[in-house]
Amino acid sequence: MTIGWDRWVMSGSLGGSATLAGAAVVGRVNARSGGLLVLREWLDEPLLFGTSALVLLFVALVLGRSHGWFRSALGAVVLTLIVGSVPLWLLAGVFSDELQTTRTEAAPGRLDRRLVVKEGTAGLGPDPYSYVYVDDGSGLSVRRWQVADIDRHGIKELVWVGPDQLRLVTGLGRTHLIRIADDGRPSPTVDE
C-alpha cells in the first residue's frame, strides 16, 4: 500500500502547524523577564507563527480525507480565523513597538553581565518610553531580566555602582538602587 502525495503534504502541513504553534508558545514564555534571549529574539512572534500555523492547518484540511461536512465546517472556521487575523496584522503595523537599543554597557569586572537600554514611543503618541534590562550570561545561555519600565519622564541617570548594583534616577527625580542577584535577577524592579 502506497501513501499518495496528498497524504505526505497533509502530514507535513499538520506537523509544520504544530511546530509553529509550539515555537510561538516557547517564544512567548521566554519573552518574560529572565527568559533566554535567543528564544525571545527569534521566536516571540505569535501573530506570524499563529497565522502561518493556521494556513498550514487549512492546507491539511483541504487535502484530508475525512468526512466532507466535518472538513468543510472546520475549514470554514480556520479560514475565518485566517481572514480575521488581517486586522491584527494592520494594527500590529500601527502599534508596533520598534524599540531601538540606545545603550549597552558591561558591568564593571563582569563581562558576562550587560546593561541594555531600549527606547521607543508609546503607541501612536510621541511620548518616549524606555526599557532597562540586564543581560546575564554568555553565548546561547544569555537571560534577559527587565529592570525598569520608564514612561515619558525618562531617565536622568543610570550607572553601575558595582558589578551587582545599579543606580537609576528617573525624570521625576526618584533615585532607585537596584541589586542584581547572582543569577541576574534585579531587585527591586522599577515601573514609573
C-alpha atoms as a PDB file:
ATOM      1  CA  MET A   1       0.000   0.000   0.000  1.00  0.00           C
ATOM      2  CA  THR A   2       1.500   3.308  -1.038  1.00  0.00           C
ATOM      3  CA  ILE A   3       0.738   6.644   0.506  1.00  0.00           C
ATOM      4  CA  GLY A   4      -0.167   9.335  -2.005  1.00  0.00           C
ATOM      5  CA  TRP A   5       1.488  12.719  -2.237  1.00  0.00           C
ATOM      6  CA  ASP A   6      -1.587  14.360  -0.731  1.00  0.00           C
ATOM      7  CA  ARG A   7      -1.128  12.355   2.476  1.00  0.00           C
ATOM      8  CA  TRP A   8       2.532  13.419   2.650  1.00  0.00           C
ATOM      9  CA  VAL A   9       1.608  17.080   2.177  1.00  0.00           C
ATOM     10  CA  MET A  10      -1.203  16.768   4.721  1.00  0.00           C
ATOM     11  CA  SER A  11       1.122  15.140   7.287  1.00  0.00           C
ATOM     12  CA  GLY A  12       3.796  17.761   6.659  1.00  0.00           C
ATOM     13  CA  SER A  13       1.246  20.552   6.994  1.00  0.00           C
ATOM     14  CA  LEU A  14      -0.049  19.189  10.293  1.00  0.00           C
ATOM     15  CA  GLY A  15       3.490  18.720  11.596  1.00  0.00           C
ATOM     16  CA  GLY A  16       4.502  22.208  10.454  1.00  0.00           C
ATOM     17  CA  SER A  17       1.406  23.720  12.023  1.00  0.00           C
ATOM     18  CA  ALA A  18       2.111  22.026  15.357  1.00  0.00           C
ATOM     19  CA  THR A  19       5.785  23.065  15.208  1.00  0.00           C
ATOM     20  CA  LEU A  20       4.917  26.715  14.519  1.00  0.00           C
ATOM     21  CA  ALA A  21       2.346  26.764  17.320  1.00  0.00           C
ATOM     22  CA  GLY A  22       4.889  25.229  19.703  1.00  0.00           C
ATOM     23  CA  ALA A  23       7.563  27.746  18.639  1.00  0.00           C
ATOM     24  CA  ALA A  24       5.167  30.619  19.320  1.00  0.00           C
ATOM     25  CA  VAL A  25       4.486  29.290  22.821  1.00  0.00           C
ATOM     26  CA  VAL A  26       8.216  28.834  23.553  1.00  0.00           C
ATOM     27  CA  GLY A  27       8.935  32.369  22.318  1.00  0.00           C
ATOM     28  CA  ARG A  28       6.150  33.839  24.434  1.00  0.00           C
ATOM     29  CA  VAL A  29       7.299  32.014  27.566  1.00  0.00           C
ATOM     30  CA  ASN A  30      10.863  33.292  27.066  1.00  0.00           C
ATOM     31  CA  ALA A  31       9.653  36.863  26.480  1.00  0.00           C
ATOM     32  CA  ARG A  32       9.068  37.128  30.221  1.00  0.00           C
ATOM     33  CA  SER A  33      11.744  38.574  32.452  1.00  0.00           C
ATOM     34  CA  GLY A  34      14.503  36.002  32.890  1.00  0.00           C
ATOM     35  CA  GLY A  35      13.817  34.146  29.652  1.00  0.00           C
ATOM     36  CA  LEU A  36      16.512  33.008  27.266  1.00  0.00           C
ATOM     37  CA  LEU A  37      17.391  35.912  24.997  1.00  0.00           C
ATOM     38  CA  VAL A  38      17.983  33.827  21.865  1.00  0.00           C
ATOM     39  CA  LEU A  39      14.497  32.263  22.101  1.00  0.00           C
ATOM     40  CA  ARG A  40      12.943  35.632  22.889  1.00  0.00           C
ATOM     41  CA  GLU A  41      14.535  37.314  19.878  1.00  0.00           C
ATOM     42  CA  TRP A  42      13.806  34.554  17.366  1.00  0.00           C
ATOM     43  CA  LEU A  43      10.517  33.008  18.469  1.00  0.00           C
ATOM     44  CA  ASP A  44       8.456  35.749  20.129  1.00  0.00           C
ATOM     45  CA  GLU A  45       6.318  36.386  17.039  1.00  0.00           C
ATOM     46  CA  PRO A  46       2.908  34.940  17.970  1.00  0.00           C
ATOM     47  CA  LEU A  47       0.977  36.675  15.185  1.00  0.00           C
ATOM     48  CA  LEU A  48       3.370  35.478  12.464  1.00  0.00           C
ATOM     49  CA  PHE A  49       3.637  31.920  13.770  1.00  0.00           C
ATOM     50  CA  GLY A  50      -0.063  31.680  14.594  1.00  0.00           C
ATOM     51  CA  THR A  51      -1.202  32.828  11.152  1.00  0.00           C
ATOM     52  CA  SER A  52       1.308  30.540   9.430  1.00  0.00           C
ATOM     53  CA  ALA A  53       0.108  27.608  11.545  1.00  0.00           C
ATOM     54  CA  LEU A  54      -3.500  28.339  10.543  1.00  0.00           C
ATOM     55  CA  VAL A  55      -2.555  28.421   6.853  1.00  0.00           C
ATOM     56  CA  LEU A  56      -0.817  25.038   7.151  1.00  0.00           C
ATOM     57  CA  LEU A  57      -3.796  23.649   9.053  1.00  0.00           C
ATOM     58  CA  PHE A  58      -6.074  24.831   6.242  1.00  0.00           C
ATOM     59  CA  VAL A  59      -3.850  23.063   3.666  1.00  0.00           C
ATOM     60  CA  ALA A  60      -4.077  19.873   5.735  1.00  0.00           C
ATOM     61  CA  LEU A  61      -7.867  20.177   5.881  1.00  0.00           C
ATOM     62  CA  VAL A  62      -8.157  20.658   2.128  1.00  0.00           C
ATOM     63  CA  LEU A  63      -6.087  17.538   1.489  1.00  0.00           C
ATOM     64  CA  GLY A  64      -7.674  15.460   4.267  1.00  0.00           C
ATOM     65  CA  ARG A  65      -9.909  12.509   3.509  1.00  0.00           C
ATOM     66  CA  SER A  66     -12.239  12.765   6.482  1.00  0.00           C
ATOM     67  CA  HIS A  67     -15.983  13.284   6.277  1.00  0.00           C
ATOM     68  CA  GLY A  68     -16.934  16.090   3.936  1.00  0.00           C
ATOM     69  CA  TRP A  69     -19.172  18.001   6.329  1.00  0.00           C
ATOM     70  CA  PHE A  70     -16.604  17.908   9.150  1.00  0.00           C
ATOM     71  CA  ARG A  71     -13.772  19.016   6.872  1.00  0.00           C
ATOM     72  CA  SER A  72     -15.912  21.808   5.420  1.00  0.00           C
ATOM     73  CA  ALA A  73     -17.026  23.095   8.820  1.00  0.00           C
ATOM     74  CA  LEU A  74     -13.520  23.029  10.288  1.00  0.00           C
ATOM     75  CA  GLY A  75     -12.098  24.567   7.104  1.00  0.00           C
ATOM     76  CA  ALA A  76     -14.598  27.415   7.337  1.00  0.00           C
ATOM     77  CA  VAL A  77     -13.583  28.094  10.947  1.00  0.00           C
ATOM     78  CA  VAL A  78      -9.864  28.061  10.092  1.00  0.00           C
ATOM     79  CA  LEU A  79     -10.396  30.274   7.031  1.00  0.00           C
ATOM     80  CA  THR A  80     -12.407  32.716   9.167  1.00  0.00           C
ATOM     81  CA  LEU A  81      -9.546  32.850  11.681  1.00  0.00           C
ATOM     82  CA  ILE A  82      -7.036  33.498   8.882  1.00  0.00           C
ATOM     83  CA  VAL A  83      -9.125  36.322   7.424  1.00  0.00           C
ATOM     84  CA  GLY A  84      -9.796  37.632  10.934  1.00  0.00           C
ATOM     85  CA  SER A  85      -6.054  37.947  11.526  1.00  0.00           C
ATOM     86  CA  VAL A  86      -5.744  40.585   8.770  1.00  0.00           C
ATOM     87  CA  PRO A  87      -6.921  43.435  11.045  1.00  0.00           C
ATOM     88  CA  LEU A  88      -4.458  42.198  13.683  1.00  0.00           C
ATOM     89  CA  TRP A  89      -1.643  42.474  11.144  1.00  0.00           C
ATOM     90  CA  LEU A  90      -2.728  46.020  10.305  1.00  0.00           C
ATOM     91  CA  LEU A  91      -2.944  47.002  13.982  1.00  0.00           C
ATOM     92  CA  ALA A  92       0.413  45.385  14.654  1.00  0.00           C
ATOM     93  CA  GLY A  93       1.917  47.630  11.982  1.00  0.00           C
ATOM     94  CA  VAL A  94       0.380  50.758  13.504  1.00  0.00           C
ATOM     95  CA  PHE A  95       1.112  49.941  17.141  1.00  0.00           C
ATOM     96  CA  SER A  96       4.419  48.166  16.627  1.00  0.00           C
ATOM     97  CA  ASP A  97       6.882  48.819  19.361  1.00  0.00           C
ATOM     98  CA  GLU A  98      10.030  49.235  17.323  1.00  0.00           C
ATOM     99  CA  LEU A  99      12.472  49.663  20.139  1.00  0.00           C
ATOM    100  CA  GLN A 100      15.964  50.915  19.424  1.00  0.00           C
ATOM    101  CA  THR A 101      18.877  49.859  21.591  1.00  0.00           C
ATOM    102  CA  THR A 102      20.370  53.148  22.748  1.00  0.00           C
ATOM    103  CA  ARG A 103      22.878  51.872  25.267  1.00  0.00           C
ATOM    104  CA  THR A 104      24.783  48.709  26.097  1.00  0.00           C
ATOM    105  CA  GLU A 105      27.321  48.673  28.899  1.00  0.00           C
ATOM    106  CA  ALA A 106      29.161  45.825  30.599  1.00  0.00           C
ATOM    107  CA  ALA A 107      29.139  45.650  34.380  1.00  0.00           C
ATOM    108  CA  PRO A 108      32.446  46.591  35.985  1.00  0.00           C
ATOM    109  CA  GLY A 109      34.510  43.445  36.419  1.00  0.00           C
ATOM    110  CA  ARG A 110      31.834  41.223  34.827  1.00  0.00           C
ATOM    111  CA  LEU A 111      31.966  40.659  31.080  1.00  0.00           C
ATOM    112  CA  ASP A 112      29.010  38.243  31.297  1.00  0.00           C
ATOM    113  CA  ARG A 113      26.611  40.924  32.585  1.00  0.00           C
ATOM    114  CA  ARG A 114      25.413  43.853  30.479  1.00  0.00           C
ATOM    115  CA  LEU A 115      23.068  46.769  30.945  1.00  0.00           C
ATOM    116  CA  VAL A 116      20.801  47.293  27.925  1.00  0.00           C
ATOM    117  CA  VAL A 117      18.546  50.323  27.388  1.00  0.00           C
ATOM    118  CA  LYS A 118      15.903  50.243  24.653  1.00  0.00           C
ATOM    119  CA  GLU A 119      13.778  53.236  23.734  1.00  0.00           C
ATOM    120  CA  GLY A 120      10.729  53.810  21.602  1.00  0.00           C
ATOM    121  CA  THR A 121       7.390  55.605  21.599  1.00  0.00           C
ATOM    122  CA  ALA A 122       4.218  54.564  23.378  1.00  0.00           C
ATOM    123  CA  GLY A 123       1.508  53.605  20.852  1.00  0.00           C
ATOM    124  CA  LEU A 124       0.607  56.333  18.367  1.00  0.00           C
ATOM    125  CA  GLY A 125       1.779  59.206  20.536  1.00  0.00           C
ATOM    126  CA  PRO A 126       5.124  60.952  20.588  1.00  0.00           C
ATOM    127  CA  ASP A 127       5.710  60.040  24.239  1.00  0.00           C
ATOM    128  CA  PRO A 128       9.090  58.354  24.709  1.00  0.00           C
ATOM    129  CA  TYR A 129       9.311  55.106  26.579  1.00  0.00           C
ATOM    130  CA  SER A 130      12.404  53.396  27.978  1.00  0.00           C
ATOM    131  CA  TYR A 131      13.039  49.797  28.984  1.00  0.00           C
ATOM    132  CA  VAL A 132      16.081  48.891  31.044  1.00  0.00           C
ATOM    133  CA  TYR A 133      17.337  45.294  31.012  1.00  0.00           C
ATOM    134  CA  VAL A 134      20.219  43.312  32.403  1.00  0.00           C
ATOM    135  CA  ASP A 135      21.533  40.529  30.177  1.00  0.00           C
ATOM    136  CA  ASP A 136      23.243  37.864  32.259  1.00  0.00           C
ATOM    137  CA  GLY A 137      25.327  35.012  30.865  1.00  0.00           C
ATOM    138  CA  SER A 138      27.146  34.407  27.618  1.00  0.00           C
ATOM    139  CA  GLY A 139      26.506  32.759  24.268  1.00  0.00           C
ATOM    140  CA  LEU A 140      23.178  30.981  23.881  1.00  0.00           C
ATOM    141  CA  SER A 141      22.550  30.925  27.636  1.00  0.00           C
ATOM    142  CA  VAL A 142      22.064  34.705  27.998  1.00  0.00           C
ATOM    143  CA  ARG A 143      18.982  35.541  30.038  1.00  0.00           C
ATOM    144  CA  ARG A 144      17.325  38.968  29.807  1.00  0.00           C
ATOM    145  CA  TRP A 145      15.898  40.441  33.005  1.00  0.00           C
ATOM    146  CA  GLN A 146      13.705  43.543  32.973  1.00  0.00           C
ATOM    147  CA  VAL A 147      14.977  46.130  35.437  1.00  0.00           C
ATOM    148  CA  ALA A 148      12.844  49.189  34.716  1.00  0.00           C
ATOM    149  CA  ASP A 149       9.918  50.405  32.662  1.00  0.00           C
ATOM    150  CA  ILE A 150      10.111  54.217  32.401  1.00  0.00           C
ATOM    151  CA  ASP A 151       7.443  56.366  30.723  1.00  0.00           C
ATOM    152  CA  ARG A 152       7.652  59.866  29.253  1.00  0.00           C
ATOM    153  CA  HIS A 153       9.579  61.330  32.196  1.00  0.00           C
ATOM    154  CA  GLY A 154      12.681  59.453  31.092  1.00  0.00           C
ATOM    155  CA  ILE A 155      15.932  58.535  32.737  1.00  0.00           C
ATOM    156  CA  LYS A 156      18.230  61.202  34.196  1.00  0.00           C
ATOM    157  CA  GLU A 157      20.997  58.869  35.312  1.00  0.00           C
ATOM    158  CA  LEU A 158      21.686  55.161  35.030  1.00  0.00           C
ATOM    159  CA  VAL A 159      25.058  53.878  36.213  1.00  0.00           C
ATOM    160  CA  TRP A 160      26.672  50.747  37.533  1.00  0.00           C
ATOM    161  CA  VAL A 161      27.551  51.257  41.203  1.00  0.00           C
ATOM    162  CA  GLY A 162      29.335  47.892  41.242  1.00  0.00           C
ATOM    163  CA  PRO A 163      29.224  44.575  39.383  1.00  0.00           C
ATOM    164  CA  ASP A 164      25.919  43.724  41.080  1.00  0.00           C
ATOM    165  CA  GLN A 165      24.197  47.075  41.651  1.00  0.00           C
ATOM    166  CA  LEU A 166      22.689  49.861  39.521  1.00  0.00           C
ATOM    167  CA  ARG A 167      21.650  53.382  40.435  1.00  0.00           C
ATOM    168  CA  LEU A 168      18.696  54.737  38.448  1.00  0.00           C
ATOM    169  CA  VAL A 169      17.479  58.324  38.716  1.00  0.00           C
ATOM    170  CA  THR A 170      14.221  58.915  36.845  1.00  0.00           C
ATOM    171  CA  GLY A 171      12.987  62.147  35.302  1.00  0.00           C
ATOM    172  CA  LEU A 172      10.725  62.561  38.325  1.00  0.00           C
ATOM    173  CA  GLY A 173      13.848  62.831  40.493  1.00  0.00           C
ATOM    174  CA  ARG A 174      13.404  59.474  42.248  1.00  0.00           C
ATOM    175  CA  THR A 175      16.581  57.521  42.957  1.00  0.00           C
ATOM    176  CA  HIS A 176      16.484  53.723  42.919  1.00  0.00           C
ATOM    177  CA  LEU A 177      19.293  51.366  43.957  1.00  0.00           C
ATOM    178  CA  ILE A 178      18.775  48.077  42.174  1.00  0.00           C
ATOM    179  CA  ARG A 179      20.635  44.989  43.333  1.00  0.00           C
ATOM    180  CA  ILE A 180      21.386  42.291  40.758  1.00  0.00           C
ATOM    181  CA  ALA A 181      21.415  38.736  42.145  1.00  0.00           C
ATOM    182  CA  ASP A 182      23.977  36.132  41.084  1.00  0.00           C
ATOM    183  CA  ASP A 183      21.530  34.727  38.510  1.00  0.00           C
ATOM    184  CA  GLY A 184      20.888  38.234  37.053  1.00  0.00           C
ATOM    185  CA  ARG A 185      17.509  38.860  38.684  1.00  0.00           C
ATOM    186  CA  PRO A 186      17.071  42.549  39.645  1.00  0.00           C
ATOM    187  CA  SER A 187      15.519  43.598  42.915  1.00  0.00           C
ATOM    188  CA  PRO A 188      13.523  45.791  43.055  1.00  0.00           C
ATOM    189  CA  THR A 189      12.192  46.441  39.571  1.00  0.00           C
ATOM    190  CA  VAL A 190      11.068  49.974  38.708  1.00  0.00           C
ATOM    191  CA  ASP A 191       7.845  50.919  36.899  1.00  0.00           C
ATOM    192  CA  GLU A 192       7.295  54.676  36.521  1.00  0.00           C
END
